[in-house]
Amino acid sequence: MNTGRPARFGFTDDARVRHLTLALPPHHAARLFDAQETSATEQHLRDIAAESLGEVYFRDGGRRAHGLAVEFTDVGHVEFDL
């Protein structure tokens, strides 16, 4: 899964517009697609995306930024590819 254009993404002290192009591990992508199939709200999908992207981008798979809360707001465009 790759994100497309900028969205405001960050932790509380440093939320800013970021352009991310990265691959999410399959289990993170599956959570998003499963939630979408069950008609999850946009907010729920954003919460899953924030948690997943935070794990990969900020926490680096558990190697840093332990316990960091991540927000995913002001989305201009997001694109997901398989």
Protein backbone atom coordinates (compact mmCIF):
# COMPACT_ATOMS: atom_id res chain seq x y z
CA MET A 1 0.00 0.00 0.00
CA ASN A 2 1.35 3.43 -0.88
CA THR A 3 0.05 6.79 0.24
CA GLY A 4 -0.41 9.44 -2.39
CA ARG A 5 -0.41 13.20 -1.86
CA PRO A 6 0.05 15.15 1.36
CA ALA A 7 -2.05 14.86 4.47
CA ARG A 8 -1.41 16.42 7.85
CA PHE A 9 0.18 13.60 9.72
CA GLY A 10 2.14 13.66 12.91
CA PHE A 11 2.26 13.47 16.61
CA THR A 12 0.75 16.17 18.81
CA ASP A 13 3.83 18.41 18.97
CA ASP A 14 4.73 18.16 15.28
CA ALA A 15 1.67 17.60 13.08
CA ARG A 16 2.52 18.91 9.63
CA VAL A 17 1.79 18.17 6.00
CA ARG A 18 3.85 15.23 4.83
CA HIS A 19 4.10 13.47 1.50
CA LEU A 20 4.55 9.76 2.21
CA THR A 21 5.24 7.00 -0.24
CA LEU A 22 5.77 3.81 1.67
CA ALA A 23 4.67 0.24 1.81
CA LEU A 24 2.58 -0.98 4.70
CA PRO A 25 3.04 -4.55 5.84
CA PRO A 26 0.17 -6.73 4.62
CA HIS A 27 -1.46 -7.08 8.06
CA HIS A 28 -1.86 -3.29 8.30
CA ALA A 29 -3.31 -3.00 4.80
CA ALA A 30 -5.67 -5.90 5.52
CA ARG A 31 -7.06 -4.05 8.57
CA LEU A 32 -7.96 -1.07 6.37
CA PHE A 33 -9.55 -3.16 3.64
CA ASP A 34 -11.48 -5.28 6.15
CA ALA A 35 -12.82 -2.17 7.87
CA GLN A 36 -13.81 -0.66 4.54
CA GLU A 37 -15.68 -3.84 3.57
CA THR A 38 -17.69 -3.67 6.81
CA SER A 39 -18.71 -0.06 6.06
CA ALA A 40 -16.53 1.51 8.73
CA THR A 41 -16.90 5.24 9.20
CA GLU A 42 -14.35 7.58 7.66
CA GLN A 43 -13.11 8.43 11.16
CA HIS A 44 -12.56 4.75 11.96
CA LEU A 45 -10.62 4.31 8.70
CA ARG A 46 -8.51 7.38 9.55
CA ASP A 47 -7.80 5.96 13.00
CA ILE A 48 -6.63 2.67 11.48
CA ALA A 49 -4.52 4.53 8.91
CA ALA A 50 -2.95 6.72 11.61
CA GLU A 51 -2.12 3.72 13.76
CA SER A 52 -0.71 1.76 10.82
CA LEU A 53 1.28 4.61 9.29
CA GLY A 54 2.51 5.62 12.74
CA GLU A 55 3.81 2.13 13.33
CA VAL A 56 5.70 2.08 10.05
CA TYR A 57 6.75 5.74 9.68
CA PHE A 58 7.34 7.01 13.23
CA ARG A 59 7.79 3.90 15.37
CA ASP A 60 9.73 1.97 12.72
CA GLY A 61 8.15 -1.35 13.62
CA GLY A 62 8.69 -0.88 17.36
CA ARG A 63 12.33 0.25 17.16
CA ARG A 64 11.66 3.87 18.24
CA ALA A 65 9.05 6.37 19.48
CA HIS A 66 7.36 3.91 21.85
CA GLY A 67 3.91 5.02 23.02
CA LEU A 68 3.71 7.86 20.48
CA ALA A 69 0.12 8.88 19.68
CA VAL A 70 -0.34 9.69 15.99
CA GLU A 71 -3.06 11.75 14.28
CA PHE A 72 -4.06 11.65 10.60
CA THR A 73 -6.08 14.79 9.76
CA ASP A 74 -6.63 17.36 7.01
CA VAL A 75 -6.31 14.69 4.32
CA GLY A 76 -6.00 16.21 0.86
CA HIS A 77 -5.57 12.95 -1.02
CA VAL A 78 -4.72 9.37 -0.15
CA GLU A 79 -4.10 6.64 -2.66
CA PHE A 80 -3.77 2.96 -1.80
CA ASP A 81 -2.31 0.42 -4.19
CA LEU A 82 -2.03 -3.31 -3.89
